[in-house]
Amino acid sequence: MPIVTVQVTREGSAPGRNSVTAEEKAAIIKGVSEVLLNVLNKPLESTYVVIEEVDLDNWGWGGLPTVQYRQKRAAGTKS
């Protein structure tokens, strides 16, 4: 019984949205389940997919919180 956790940022996939839509989540669940069926021969009925939405202020990269990193990139500055 595979359990797959997918983390997505809680930003939305289009302007004006602040989360992933129910339709997008359904597509993620379907796609991940089908990959496990096709690659590992795991039946769809035995695959669990958990989607976790991560708030923007709870992740970062480049040693900075995401908002600061994006501002730095937009300004064209390096490390």
Protein backbone atom coordinates (compact mmCIF):
# COMPACT_ATOMS: atom_id res chain seq x y z
CA MET A 1 0.00 0.00 0.00
CA PRO A 2 1.90 3.09 -1.17
CA ILE A 3 1.36 6.39 0.57
CA VAL A 4 2.63 9.41 -1.33
CA THR A 5 2.81 12.90 0.14
CA VAL A 6 2.84 15.80 -2.32
CA GLN A 7 3.71 19.22 -0.98
CA VAL A 8 2.58 22.25 -2.94
CA THR A 9 2.90 25.90 -2.11
CA ARG A 10 -0.23 27.67 -1.01
CA GLU A 11 0.00 30.36 -3.66
CA GLY A 12 -2.49 29.20 -6.19
CA SER A 13 -1.88 28.43 -9.81
CA ALA A 14 -3.24 31.68 -11.24
CA PRO A 15 -3.43 35.33 -10.21
CA GLY A 16 -5.97 35.98 -7.50
CA ARG A 17 -5.90 32.44 -6.11
CA ASN A 18 -4.34 31.57 -2.78
CA SER A 19 -4.55 27.79 -2.96
CA VAL A 20 -4.65 24.86 -5.32
CA THR A 21 -8.17 24.18 -6.62
CA ALA A 22 -10.12 20.99 -5.91
CA GLU A 23 -9.85 20.12 -9.60
CA GLU A 24 -6.06 20.53 -9.56
CA LYS A 25 -5.81 18.38 -6.43
CA ALA A 26 -7.94 15.69 -8.09
CA ALA A 27 -5.62 15.75 -11.11
CA ILE A 28 -2.55 15.42 -8.86
CA ILE A 29 -4.10 12.45 -7.05
CA LYS A 30 -5.05 10.78 -10.32
CA GLY A 31 -1.66 11.39 -11.93
CA VAL A 32 0.40 10.18 -8.97
CA SER A 33 -1.79 7.10 -8.59
CA GLU A 34 -1.44 6.27 -12.29
CA VAL A 35 2.36 6.60 -12.10
CA LEU A 36 2.46 4.04 -9.30
CA LEU A 37 0.13 1.77 -11.27
CA ASN A 38 2.25 2.02 -14.43
CA VAL A 39 5.68 1.85 -12.81
CA LEU A 40 5.17 -0.41 -9.78
CA ASN A 41 1.94 -2.18 -10.76
CA LYS A 42 0.23 -0.87 -7.61
CA PRO A 43 -3.56 -0.93 -7.91
CA LEU A 44 -5.29 2.44 -7.80
CA GLU A 45 -7.40 1.19 -4.87
CA SER A 46 -4.33 0.65 -2.69
CA THR A 47 -2.59 3.97 -3.33
CA TYR A 48 -3.05 6.86 -0.93
CA VAL A 49 -2.06 10.38 -1.97
CA VAL A 50 -1.83 13.14 0.63
CA ILE A 51 -1.59 16.74 -0.52
CA GLU A 52 -0.07 19.24 1.88
CA GLU A 53 -0.27 22.94 1.12
CA VAL A 54 2.63 24.93 2.52
CA ASP A 55 2.12 28.61 3.36
CA LEU A 56 4.45 31.02 1.59
CA ASP A 57 6.12 32.09 4.84
CA ASN A 58 6.92 28.47 5.75
CA TRP A 59 9.49 27.76 3.05
CA GLY A 60 12.44 29.30 1.36
CA TRP A 61 15.56 28.68 -0.69
CA GLY A 62 18.92 30.23 -1.28
CA GLY A 63 19.25 30.72 2.48
CA LEU A 64 16.33 33.15 2.57
CA PRO A 65 12.59 33.12 3.15
CA THR A 66 10.85 32.83 -0.21
CA VAL A 67 9.55 36.41 -0.36
CA GLN A 68 13.02 37.82 0.33
CA TYR A 69 14.66 35.48 -2.19
CA ARG A 70 12.18 36.49 -4.90
CA GLN A 71 12.71 40.18 -4.15
CA LYS A 72 16.46 39.71 -4.38
CA ARG A 73 16.13 37.84 -7.68
CA ALA A 74 13.78 40.47 -9.09
CA ALA A 75 16.31 43.15 -8.21
CA GLY A 76 18.94 41.17 -10.11
CA THR A 77 21.34 40.79 -7.20
CA LYS A 78 23.43 37.72 -6.55
CA SER A 79 24.16 36.03 -3.21
